[in-house]
Amino acid sequence: NLSEVLIAGSFGYHIDPFHAKVVGMIPDVELEKIKFVGNTAIAGADLALLSRKAREEAEIIAKRARYFELSLDPLFNKEFAYALQLPHRELERFPSIAEIVARKDS
């Protein structure tokens, strides 16, 4: 139930959202929900330099950040292995892509 998918960085400008869905790079959402937001790192740095309030908010967020070692989680390893297959091994999680694959197979 994502309301939008934001793709940051210049790499995002070179991604075709439809094909990114097909290979499982991004969630199976309507194309209208996918937005390219540009170089957010530079925008954030500008804000931090120009606004004391933005800098304080960034510090609060940084203090709340936590590190999780995903490679130690067996479920993550299984999901990662499934995601290596193109299209995704569990196509029921990508219903619009499953329809496309089914049409190609018939």
PDB file of N, CA and C in Angstrom:
ATOM      1  N   ASN A   1       0.817  -1.195   0.000  1.00  0.00           N
ATOM      2  CA  ASN A   1       0.000   0.000   0.000  1.00  0.00           C
ATOM      3  C   ASN A   1       0.861   1.259   0.000  1.00  0.00           C
ATOM      4  N   LEU A   2       1.825   1.310  -0.861  1.00  0.00           N
ATOM      5  CA  LEU A   2       2.699   2.476  -0.934  1.00  0.00           C
ATOM      6  C   LEU A   2       1.977   3.621  -1.631  1.00  0.00           C
ATOM      7  N   SER A   3       2.116   4.809  -1.080  1.00  0.00           N
ATOM      8  CA  SER A   3       1.509   5.965  -1.733  1.00  0.00           C
ATOM      9  C   SER A   3       2.414   6.504  -2.832  1.00  0.00           C
ATOM     10  N   GLU A   4       3.726   6.286  -2.695  1.00  0.00           N
ATOM     11  CA  GLU A   4       4.656   6.689  -3.739  1.00  0.00           C
ATOM     12  C   GLU A   4       5.996   5.992  -3.528  1.00  0.00           C
ATOM     13  N   VAL A   5       6.771   5.927  -4.602  1.00  0.00           N
ATOM     14  CA  VAL A   5       8.133   5.404  -4.555  1.00  0.00           C
ATOM     15  C   VAL A   5       9.024   6.516  -5.069  1.00  0.00           C
ATOM     16  N   LEU A   6       9.947   6.958  -4.220  1.00  0.00           N
ATOM     17  CA  LEU A   6      10.853   8.038  -4.582  1.00  0.00           C
ATOM     18  C   LEU A   6      12.202   7.448  -4.953  1.00  0.00           C
ATOM     19  N   ILE A   7      12.723   7.842  -6.113  1.00  0.00           N
ATOM     20  CA  ILE A   7      14.017   7.370  -6.572  1.00  0.00           C
ATOM     21  C   ILE A   7      14.940   8.573  -6.662  1.00  0.00           C
ATOM     22  N   ALA A   8      16.010   8.519  -5.868  1.00  0.00           N
ATOM     23  CA  ALA A   8      16.930   9.642  -5.785  1.00  0.00           C
ATOM     24  C   ALA A   8      18.194   9.368  -6.587  1.00  0.00           C
ATOM     25  N   GLY A   9      18.918  10.434  -6.872  1.00  0.00           N
ATOM     26  CA  GLY A   9      20.204  10.319  -7.545  1.00  0.00           C
ATOM     27  C   GLY A   9      20.079  10.388  -9.056  1.00  0.00           C
ATOM     28  N   SER A  10      21.186  10.672  -9.681  1.00  0.00           N
ATOM     29  CA  SER A  10      21.175  10.788 -11.140  1.00  0.00           C
ATOM     30  C   SER A  10      20.921   9.443 -11.806  1.00  0.00           C
ATOM     31  N   PHE A  11      21.263   8.352 -11.117  1.00  0.00           N
ATOM     32  CA  PHE A  11      20.998   7.016 -11.649  1.00  0.00           C
ATOM     33  C   PHE A  11      19.510   6.847 -11.965  1.00  0.00           C
ATOM     34  N   GLY A  12      18.662   7.411 -11.118  1.00  0.00           N
ATOM     35  CA  GLY A  12      17.224   7.288 -11.299  1.00  0.00           C
ATOM     36  C   GLY A  12      16.723   7.857 -12.607  1.00  0.00           C
ATOM     37  N   TYR A  13      17.388   8.887 -13.107  1.00  0.00           N
ATOM     38  CA  TYR A  13      16.957   9.495 -14.365  1.00  0.00           C
ATOM     39  C   TYR A  13      17.166   8.575 -15.562  1.00  0.00           C
ATOM     40  N   HIS A  14      17.979   7.555 -15.391  1.00  0.00           N
ATOM     41  CA  HIS A  14      18.264   6.639 -16.491  1.00  0.00           C
ATOM     42  C   HIS A  14      17.487   5.332 -16.372  1.00  0.00           C
ATOM     43  N   ILE A  15      16.592   5.260 -15.401  1.00  0.00           N
ATOM     44  CA  ILE A  15      15.807   4.045 -15.175  1.00  0.00           C
ATOM     45  C   ILE A  15      14.449   4.187 -15.837  1.00  0.00           C
ATOM     46  N   ASP A  16      14.058   3.180 -16.570  1.00  0.00           N
ATOM     47  CA  ASP A  16      12.700   3.111 -17.090  1.00  0.00           C
ATOM     48  C   ASP A  16      11.856   2.457 -15.992  1.00  0.00           C
ATOM     49  N   PRO A  17      10.878   3.179 -15.427  1.00  0.00           N
ATOM     50  CA  PRO A  17      10.143   2.631 -14.286  1.00  0.00           C
ATOM     51  C   PRO A  17       9.432   1.311 -14.594  1.00  0.00           C
ATOM     52  N   PHE A  18       8.905   1.159 -15.780  1.00  0.00           N
ATOM     53  CA  PHE A  18       8.226  -0.096 -16.129  1.00  0.00           C
ATOM     54  C   PHE A  18       9.205  -1.262 -16.072  1.00  0.00           C
ATOM     55  N   HIS A  19      10.348  -1.119 -16.720  1.00  0.00           N
ATOM     56  CA  HIS A  19      11.324  -2.210 -16.742  1.00  0.00           C
ATOM     57  C   HIS A  19      11.938  -2.447 -15.362  1.00  0.00           C
ATOM     58  N   ALA A  20      12.061  -1.392 -14.563  1.00  0.00           N
ATOM     59  CA  ALA A  20      12.560  -1.562 -13.196  1.00  0.00           C
ATOM     60  C   ALA A  20      11.588  -2.420 -12.387  1.00  0.00           C
ATOM     61  N   LYS A  21      10.284  -2.281 -12.657  1.00  0.00           N
ATOM     62  CA  LYS A  21       9.295  -3.144 -11.995  1.00  0.00           C
ATOM     63  C   LYS A  21       9.429  -4.578 -12.481  1.00  0.00           C
ATOM     64  N   VAL A  22       9.625  -4.765 -13.770  1.00  0.00           N
ATOM     65  CA  VAL A  22       9.710  -6.113 -14.336  1.00  0.00           C
ATOM     66  C   VAL A  22      10.850  -6.902 -13.712  1.00  0.00           C
ATOM     67  N   VAL A  23      11.984  -6.279 -13.499  1.00  0.00           N
ATOM     68  CA  VAL A  23      13.129  -6.995 -12.935  1.00  0.00           C
ATOM     69  C   VAL A  23      13.122  -6.988 -11.409  1.00  0.00           C
ATOM     70  N   GLY A  24      12.126  -6.368 -10.785  1.00  0.00           N
ATOM     71  CA  GLY A  24      12.020  -6.381  -9.336  1.00  0.00           C
ATOM     72  C   GLY A  24      12.873  -5.348  -8.631  1.00  0.00           C
ATOM     73  N   MET A  25      13.356  -4.354  -9.366  1.00  0.00           N
ATOM     74  CA  MET A  25      14.187  -3.314  -8.761  1.00  0.00           C
ATOM     75  C   MET A  25      13.360  -2.415  -7.842  1.00  0.00           C
ATOM     76  N   ILE A  26      12.116  -2.196  -8.229  1.00  0.00           N
ATOM     77  CA  ILE A  26      11.215  -1.381  -7.422  1.00  0.00           C
ATOM     78  C   ILE A  26       9.915  -2.147  -7.225  1.00  0.00           C
ATOM     79  N   PRO A  27       9.136  -1.775  -6.222  1.00  0.00           N
ATOM     80  CA  PRO A  27       7.884  -2.501  -5.951  1.00  0.00           C
ATOM     81  C   PRO A  27       6.896  -2.402  -7.105  1.00  0.00           C
ATOM     82  N   ASP A  28       5.973  -3.338  -7.116  1.00  0.00           N
ATOM     83  CA  ASP A  28       4.938  -3.381  -8.146  1.00  0.00           C
ATOM     84  C   ASP A  28       3.839  -2.380  -7.792  1.00  0.00           C
ATOM     85  N   VAL A  29       4.084  -1.123  -8.116  1.00  0.00           N
ATOM     86  CA  VAL A  29       3.113  -0.054  -7.880  1.00  0.00           C
ATOM     87  C   VAL A  29       2.757   0.564  -9.227  1.00  0.00           C
ATOM     88  N   GLU A  30       1.676   1.342  -9.225  1.00  0.00           N
ATOM     89  CA  GLU A  30       1.288   2.039 -10.448  1.00  0.00           C
ATOM     90  C   GLU A  30       2.415   2.996 -10.850  1.00  0.00           C
ATOM     91  N   LEU A  31       2.625   3.115 -12.148  1.00  0.00           N
ATOM     92  CA  LEU A  31       3.718   3.967 -12.634  1.00  0.00           C
ATOM     93  C   LEU A  31       3.576   5.412 -12.179  1.00  0.00           C
ATOM     94  N   GLU A  32       2.329   5.873 -11.967  1.00  0.00           N
ATOM     95  CA  GLU A  32       2.120   7.254 -11.536  1.00  0.00           C
ATOM     96  C   GLU A  32       2.673   7.505 -10.133  1.00  0.00           C
ATOM     97  N   LYS A  33       2.863   6.442  -9.354  1.00  0.00           N
ATOM     98  CA  LYS A  33       3.360   6.592  -7.989  1.00  0.00           C
ATOM     99  C   LYS A  33       4.891   6.670  -7.918  1.00  0.00           C
ATOM    100  N   ILE A  34       5.554   6.485  -9.039  1.00  0.00           N
ATOM    101  CA  ILE A  34       7.014   6.500  -9.065  1.00  0.00           C
ATOM    102  C   ILE A  34       7.480   7.904  -9.421  1.00  0.00           C
ATOM    103  N   LYS A  35       8.303   8.476  -8.544  1.00  0.00           N
ATOM    104  CA  LYS A  35       8.782   9.838  -8.766  1.00  0.00           C
ATOM    105  C   LYS A  35      10.303   9.876  -8.652  1.00  0.00           C
ATOM    106  N   PHE A  36      10.903  10.601  -9.552  1.00  0.00           N
ATOM    107  CA  PHE A  36      12.346  10.801  -9.546  1.00  0.00           C
ATOM    108  C   PHE A  36      12.612  12.150  -8.877  1.00  0.00           C
ATOM    109  N   VAL A  37      13.405  12.139  -7.817  1.00  0.00           N
ATOM    110  CA  VAL A  37      13.572  13.349  -7.004  1.00  0.00           C
ATOM    111  C   VAL A  37      14.943  13.998  -7.142  1.00  0.00           C
ATOM    112  N   GLY A  38      15.767  13.504  -8.048  1.00  0.00           N
ATOM    113  CA  GLY A  38      17.053  14.150  -8.313  1.00  0.00           C
ATOM    114  C   GLY A  38      18.094  13.895  -7.238  1.00  0.00           C
ATOM    115  N   ASN A  39      19.050  14.803  -7.170  1.00  0.00           N
ATOM    116  CA  ASN A  39      20.185  14.645  -6.261  1.00  0.00           C
ATOM    117  C   ASN A  39      19.811  15.142  -4.867  1.00  0.00           C
ATOM    118  N   THR A  40      19.228  14.275  -4.084  1.00  0.00           N
ATOM    119  CA  THR A  40      18.763  14.662  -2.758  1.00  0.00           C
ATOM    120  C   THR A  40      19.908  14.884  -1.783  1.00  0.00           C
ATOM    121  N   ALA A  41      21.075  14.280  -2.031  1.00  0.00           N
ATOM    122  CA  ALA A  41      22.220  14.490  -1.144  1.00  0.00           C
ATOM    123  C   ALA A  41      22.674  15.945  -1.207  1.00  0.00           C
ATOM    124  N   ILE A  42      22.745  16.487  -2.395  1.00  0.00           N
ATOM    125  CA  ILE A  42      23.145  17.896  -2.535  1.00  0.00           C
ATOM    126  C   ILE A  42      22.074  18.809  -1.949  1.00  0.00           C
ATOM    127  N   ALA A  43      20.813  18.487  -2.195  1.00  0.00           N
ATOM    128  CA  ALA A  43      19.730  19.305  -1.637  1.00  0.00           C
ATOM    129  C   ALA A  43      19.789  19.295  -0.111  1.00  0.00           C
ATOM    130  N   GLY A  44      20.033  18.134   0.479  1.00  0.00           N
ATOM    131  CA  GLY A  44      20.134  18.027   1.932  1.00  0.00           C
ATOM    132  C   GLY A  44      21.332  18.789   2.476  1.00  0.00           C
ATOM    133  N   ALA A  45      22.442  18.697   1.786  1.00  0.00           N
ATOM    134  CA  ALA A  45      23.641  19.433   2.215  1.00  0.00           C
ATOM    135  C   ALA A  45      23.392  20.940   2.153  1.00  0.00           C
ATOM    136  N   ASP A  46      22.754  21.397   1.097  1.00  0.00           N
ATOM    137  CA  ASP A  46      22.411  22.822   0.992  1.00  0.00           C
ATOM    138  C   ASP A  46      21.538  23.255   2.163  1.00  0.00           C
ATOM    139  N   LEU A  47      20.511  22.456   2.464  1.00  0.00           N
ATOM    140  CA  LEU A  47      19.628  22.791   3.580  1.00  0.00           C
ATOM    141  C   LEU A  47      20.392  22.854   4.899  1.00  0.00           C
ATOM    142  N   ALA A  48      21.259  21.873   5.118  1.00  0.00           N
ATOM    143  CA  ALA A  48      22.021  21.829   6.374  1.00  0.00           C
ATOM    144  C   ALA A  48      22.950  23.032   6.496  1.00  0.00           C
ATOM    145  N   LEU A  49      23.478  23.497   5.388  1.00  0.00           N
ATOM    146  CA  LEU A  49      24.371  24.659   5.424  1.00  0.00           C
ATOM    147  C   LEU A  49      23.610  25.966   5.621  1.00  0.00           C
ATOM    148  N   LEU A  50      22.394  26.025   5.087  1.00  0.00           N
ATOM    149  CA  LEU A  50      21.653  27.284   5.088  1.00  0.00           C
ATOM    150  C   LEU A  50      20.646  27.422   6.225  1.00  0.00           C
ATOM    151  N   SER A  51      20.298  26.314   6.878  1.00  0.00           N
ATOM    152  CA  SER A  51      19.240  26.376   7.880  1.00  0.00           C
ATOM    153  C   SER A  51      19.664  25.670   9.166  1.00  0.00           C
ATOM    154  N   ARG A  52      19.685  26.411  10.246  1.00  0.00           N
ATOM    155  CA  ARG A  52      20.011  25.817  11.546  1.00  0.00           C
ATOM    156  C   ARG A  52      18.946  24.766  11.918  1.00  0.00           C
ATOM    157  N   LYS A  53      17.678  25.062  11.637  1.00  0.00           N
ATOM    158  CA  LYS A  53      16.592  24.133  11.960  1.00  0.00           C
ATOM    159  C   LYS A  53      16.772  22.811  11.198  1.00  0.00           C
ATOM    160  N   ALA A  54      17.094  22.892   9.917  1.00  0.00           N
ATOM    161  CA  ALA A  54      17.313  21.679   9.114  1.00  0.00           C
ATOM    162  C   ALA A  54      18.492  20.878   9.654  1.00  0.00           C
ATOM    163  N   ARG A  55      19.530  21.576  10.075  1.00  0.00           N
ATOM    164  CA  ARG A  55      20.708  20.919  10.650  1.00  0.00           C
ATOM    165  C   ARG A  55      20.341  20.184  11.937  1.00  0.00           C
ATOM    166  N   GLU A  56      19.541  20.826  12.784  1.00  0.00           N
ATOM    167  CA  GLU A  56      19.105  20.207  14.038  1.00  0.00           C
ATOM    168  C   GLU A  56      18.233  18.971  13.768  1.00  0.00           C
ATOM    169  N   GLU A  57      17.349  19.074  12.774  1.00  0.00           N
ATOM    170  CA  GLU A  57      16.509  17.927  12.412  1.00  0.00           C
ATOM    171  C   GLU A  57      17.366  16.774  11.897  1.00  0.00           C
ATOM    172  N   ALA A  58      18.374  17.079  11.118  1.00  0.00           N
ATOM    173  CA  ALA A  58      19.273  16.042  10.598  1.00  0.00           C
ATOM    174  C   ALA A  58      20.020  15.357  11.742  1.00  0.00           C
ATOM    175  N   GLU A  59      20.428  16.125  12.738  1.00  0.00           N
ATOM    176  CA  GLU A  59      21.117  15.545  13.895  1.00  0.00           C
ATOM    177  C   GLU A  59      20.196  14.607  14.675  1.00  0.00           C
ATOM    178  N   ILE A  60      18.947  14.981  14.823  1.00  0.00           N
ATOM    179  CA  ILE A  60      17.970  14.128  15.522  1.00  0.00           C
ATOM    180  C   ILE A  60      17.778  12.822  14.758  1.00  0.00           C
ATOM    181  N   ILE A  61      17.632  12.932  13.461  1.00  0.00           N
ATOM    182  CA  ILE A  61      17.452  11.729  12.628  1.00  0.00           C
ATOM    183  C   ILE A  61      18.684  10.839  12.721  1.00  0.00           C
ATOM    184  N   ALA A  62      19.866  11.428  12.653  1.00  0.00           N
ATOM    185  CA  ALA A  62      21.107  10.648  12.723  1.00  0.00           C
ATOM    186  C   ALA A  62      21.215   9.898  14.053  1.00  0.00           C
ATOM    187  N   LYS A  63      20.784  10.499  15.143  1.00  0.00           N
ATOM    188  CA  LYS A  63      20.838   9.848  16.450  1.00  0.00           C
ATOM    189  C   LYS A  63      19.853   8.686  16.552  1.00  0.00           C
ATOM    190  N   ARG A  64      18.753   8.755  15.801  1.00  0.00           N
ATOM    191  CA  ARG A  64      17.742   7.689  15.831  1.00  0.00           C
ATOM    192  C   ARG A  64      18.080   6.537  14.897  1.00  0.00           C
ATOM    193  N   ALA A  65      18.999   6.743  13.987  1.00  0.00           N
ATOM    194  CA  ALA A  65      19.346   5.708  13.003  1.00  0.00           C
ATOM    195  C   ALA A  65      19.956   4.495  13.696  1.00  0.00           C
ATOM    196  N   ARG A  66      19.614   3.308  13.222  1.00  0.00           N
ATOM    197  CA  ARG A  66      20.137   2.056  13.772  1.00  0.00           C
ATOM    198  C   ARG A  66      20.689   1.208  12.639  1.00  0.00           C
ATOM    199  N   TYR A  67      21.698   0.429  12.954  1.00  0.00           N
ATOM    200  CA  TYR A  67      22.346  -0.452  11.987  1.00  0.00           C
ATOM    201  C   TYR A  67      21.820  -1.871  12.173  1.00  0.00           C
ATOM    202  N   PHE A  68      21.452  -2.509  11.089  1.00  0.00           N
ATOM    203  CA  PHE A  68      20.994  -3.895  11.119  1.00  0.00           C
ATOM    204  C   PHE A  68      21.840  -4.697  10.145  1.00  0.00           C
ATOM    205  N   GLU A  69      22.433  -5.778  10.598  1.00  0.00           N
ATOM    206  CA  GLU A  69      23.236  -6.652   9.737  1.00  0.00           C
ATOM    207  C   GLU A  69      22.302  -7.657   9.070  1.00  0.00           C
ATOM    208  N   LEU A  70      21.857  -7.328   7.870  1.00  0.00           N
ATOM    209  CA  LEU A  70      20.883  -8.164   7.171  1.00  0.00           C
ATOM    210  C   LEU A  70      21.445  -9.522   6.771  1.00  0.00           C
ATOM    211  N   SER A  71      22.720  -9.604   6.504  1.00  0.00           N
ATOM    212  CA  SER A  71      23.294 -10.865   6.037  1.00  0.00           C
ATOM    213  C   SER A  71      23.215 -11.966   7.095  1.00  0.00           C
ATOM    214  N   LEU A  72      22.989 -11.613   8.350  1.00  0.00           N
ATOM    215  CA  LEU A  72      22.877 -12.611   9.414  1.00  0.00           C
ATOM    216  C   LEU A  72      21.451 -13.155   9.554  1.00  0.00           C
ATOM    217  N   ASP A  73      20.515 -12.542   8.879  1.00  0.00           N
ATOM    218  CA  ASP A  73      19.112 -12.956   8.973  1.00  0.00           C
ATOM    219  C   ASP A  73      18.810 -13.992   7.887  1.00  0.00           C
ATOM    220  N   PRO A  74      18.473 -15.243   8.267  1.00  0.00           N
ATOM    221  CA  PRO A  74      18.203 -16.286   7.264  1.00  0.00           C
ATOM    222  C   PRO A  74      17.068 -15.913   6.313  1.00  0.00           C
ATOM    223  N   LEU A  75      16.047 -15.217   6.807  1.00  0.00           N
ATOM    224  CA  LEU A  75      14.946 -14.816   5.937  1.00  0.00           C
ATOM    225  C   LEU A  75      15.431 -13.831   4.877  1.00  0.00           C
ATOM    226  N   PHE A  76      16.314 -12.905   5.258  1.00  0.00           N
ATOM    227  CA  PHE A  76      16.860 -11.965   4.286  1.00  0.00           C
ATOM    228  C   PHE A  76      17.618 -12.714   3.192  1.00  0.00           C
ATOM    229  N   ASN A  77      18.442 -13.673   3.583  1.00  0.00           N
ATOM    230  CA  ASN A  77      19.224 -14.428   2.599  1.00  0.00           C
ATOM    231  C   ASN A  77      18.313 -15.161   1.614  1.00  0.00           C
ATOM    232  N   LYS A  78      17.217 -15.725   2.107  1.00  0.00           N
ATOM    233  CA  LYS A  78      16.261 -16.404   1.229  1.00  0.00           C
ATOM    234  C   LYS A  78      15.633 -15.401   0.258  1.00  0.00           C
ATOM    235  N   GLU A  79      15.162 -14.270   0.795  1.00  0.00           N
ATOM    236  CA  GLU A  79      14.551 -13.243  -0.043  1.00  0.00           C
ATOM    237  C   GLU A  79      15.538 -12.717  -1.079  1.00  0.00           C
ATOM    238  N   PHE A  80      16.773 -12.523  -0.670  1.00  0.00           N
ATOM    239  CA  PHE A  80      17.802 -12.030  -1.585  1.00  0.00           C
ATOM    240  C   PHE A  80      18.022 -13.030  -2.718  1.00  0.00           C
ATOM    241  N   ALA A  81      18.106 -14.319  -2.393  1.00  0.00           N
ATOM    242  CA  ALA A  81      18.304 -15.347  -3.422  1.00  0.00           C
ATOM    243  C   ALA A  81      17.133 -15.374  -4.395  1.00  0.00           C
ATOM    244  N   TYR A  82      15.908 -15.253  -3.883  1.00  0.00           N
ATOM    245  CA  TYR A  82      14.730 -15.219  -4.757  1.00  0.00           C
ATOM    246  C   TYR A  82      14.773 -14.005  -5.681  1.00  0.00           C
ATOM    247  N   ALA A  83      15.194 -12.880  -5.142  1.00  0.00           N
ATOM    248  CA  ALA A  83      15.195 -11.637  -5.917  1.00  0.00           C
ATOM    249  C   ALA A  83      16.246 -11.633  -7.018  1.00  0.00           C
ATOM    250  N   LEU A  84      17.210 -12.545  -6.963  1.00  0.00           N
ATOM    251  CA  LEU A  84      18.224 -12.615  -8.006  1.00  0.00           C
ATOM    252  C   LEU A  84      17.663 -13.142  -9.320  1.00  0.00           C
ATOM    253  N   GLN A  85      16.527 -13.814  -9.250  1.00  0.00           N
ATOM    254  CA  GLN A  85      15.920 -14.362 -10.456  1.00  0.00           C
ATOM    255  C   GLN A  85      15.102 -13.274 -11.147  1.00  0.00           C
ATOM    256  N   LEU A  86      15.175 -13.223 -12.457  1.00  0.00           N
ATOM    257  CA  LEU A  86      14.441 -12.236 -13.233  1.00  0.00           C
ATOM    258  C   LEU A  86      13.445 -12.931 -14.147  1.00  0.00           C
ATOM    259  N   PRO A  87      12.166 -12.652 -14.058  1.00  0.00           N
ATOM    260  CA  PRO A  87      11.540 -11.836 -13.026  1.00  0.00           C
ATOM    261  C   PRO A  87      11.590 -12.557 -11.689  1.00  0.00           C
ATOM    262  N   HIS A  88      11.153 -11.895 -10.665  1.00  0.00           N
ATOM    263  CA  HIS A  88      11.218 -12.408  -9.299  1.00  0.00           C
ATOM    264  C   HIS A  88      10.611 -13.800  -9.210  1.00  0.00           C
ATOM    265  N   ARG A  89      11.213 -14.662  -8.415  1.00  0.00           N
ATOM    266  CA  ARG A  89      10.756 -16.049  -8.281  1.00  0.00           C
ATOM    267  C   ARG A  89       9.324 -16.140  -7.771  1.00  0.00           C
ATOM    268  N   GLU A  90       8.928 -15.252  -6.887  1.00  0.00           N
ATOM    269  CA  GLU A  90       7.578 -15.264  -6.322  1.00  0.00           C
ATOM    270  C   GLU A  90       6.725 -14.213  -7.045  1.00  0.00           C
ATOM    271  N   LEU A  91       6.284 -14.542  -8.236  1.00  0.00           N
ATOM    272  CA  LEU A  91       5.561 -13.584  -9.064  1.00  0.00           C
ATOM    273  C   LEU A  91       4.246 -13.126  -8.456  1.00  0.00           C
ATOM    274  N   GLU A  92       3.680 -13.896  -7.528  1.00  0.00           N
ATOM    275  CA  GLU A  92       2.430 -13.450  -6.899  1.00  0.00           C
ATOM    276  C   GLU A  92       2.621 -12.144  -6.122  1.00  0.00           C
ATOM    277  N   ARG A  93       3.864 -11.810  -5.815  1.00  0.00           N
ATOM    278  CA  ARG A  93       4.147 -10.551  -5.141  1.00  0.00           C
ATOM    279  C   ARG A  93       4.224  -9.385  -6.129  1.00  0.00           C
ATOM    280  N   PHE A  94       4.208  -9.698  -7.409  1.00  0.00           N
ATOM    281  CA  PHE A  94       4.279  -8.697  -8.479  1.00  0.00           C
ATOM    282  C   PHE A  94       3.150  -8.968  -9.472  1.00  0.00           C
ATOM    283  N   PRO A  95       1.891  -8.733  -9.070  1.00  0.00           N
ATOM    284  CA  PRO A  95       0.764  -9.145  -9.903  1.00  0.00           C
ATOM    285  C   PRO A  95       0.747  -8.568 -11.318  1.00  0.00           C
ATOM    286  N   SER A  96       1.094  -7.300 -11.483  1.00  0.00           N
ATOM    287  CA  SER A  96       1.042  -6.749 -12.842  1.00  0.00           C
ATOM    288  C   SER A  96       2.134  -7.354 -13.716  1.00  0.00           C
ATOM    289  N   ILE A  97       3.268  -7.704 -13.117  1.00  0.00           N
ATOM    290  CA  ILE A  97       4.355  -8.332 -13.864  1.00  0.00           C
ATOM    291  C   ILE A  97       3.980  -9.779 -14.193  1.00  0.00           C
ATOM    292  N   ALA A  98       3.311 -10.468 -13.276  1.00  0.00           N
ATOM    293  CA  ALA A  98       2.880 -11.842 -13.510  1.00  0.00           C
ATOM    294  C   ALA A  98       1.980 -11.911 -14.739  1.00  0.00           C
ATOM    295  N   GLU A  99       1.114 -10.907 -14.897  1.00  0.00           N
ATOM    296  CA  GLU A  99       0.226 -10.854 -16.072  1.00  0.00           C
ATOM    297  C   GLU A  99       1.048 -10.737 -17.359  1.00  0.00           C
ATOM    298  N   ILE A 100       2.067  -9.912 -17.353  1.00  0.00           N
ATOM    299  CA  ILE A 100       2.916  -9.730 -18.532  1.00  0.00           C
ATOM    300  C   ILE A 100       3.658 -11.015 -18.870  1.00  0.00           C
ATOM    301  N   VAL A 101       4.214 -11.666 -17.853  1.00  0.00           N
ATOM    302  CA  VAL A 101       4.945 -12.917 -18.063  1.00  0.00           C
ATOM    303  C   VAL A 101       4.000 -13.982 -18.602  1.00  0.00           C
ATOM    304  N   ALA A 102       2.798 -14.062 -18.056  1.00  0.00           N
ATOM    305  CA  ALA A 102       1.818 -15.040 -18.508  1.00  0.00           C
ATOM    306  C   ALA A 102       1.456 -14.815 -19.978  1.00  0.00           C
ATOM    307  N   ARG A 103       1.306 -13.561 -20.389  1.00  0.00           N
ATOM    308  CA  ARG A 103       0.995 -13.270 -21.797  1.00  0.00           C
ATOM    309  C   ARG A 103       2.135 -13.660 -22.713  1.00  0.00           C
ATOM    310  N   LYS A 104       3.384 -13.450 -22.255  1.00  0.00           N
ATOM    311  CA  LYS A 104       4.537 -13.812 -23.087  1.00  0.00           C
ATOM    312  C   LYS A 104       4.661 -15.325 -23.240  1.00  0.00           C
ATOM    313  N   ASP A 105       4.270 -16.067 -22.181  1.00  0.00           N
ATOM    314  CA  ASP A 105       4.379 -17.523 -22.217  1.00  0.00           C
ATOM    315  C   ASP A 105       3.293 -18.179 -23.057  1.00  0.00           C
ATOM    316  N   SER A 106       2.200 -17.460 -23.323  1.00  0.00           N
ATOM    317  CA  SER A 106       1.106 -18.090 -24.075  1.00  0.00           C
ATOM    318  C   SER A 106       1.221 -17.843 -25.563  1.00  0.00           C
TER     319      SER A 106
END
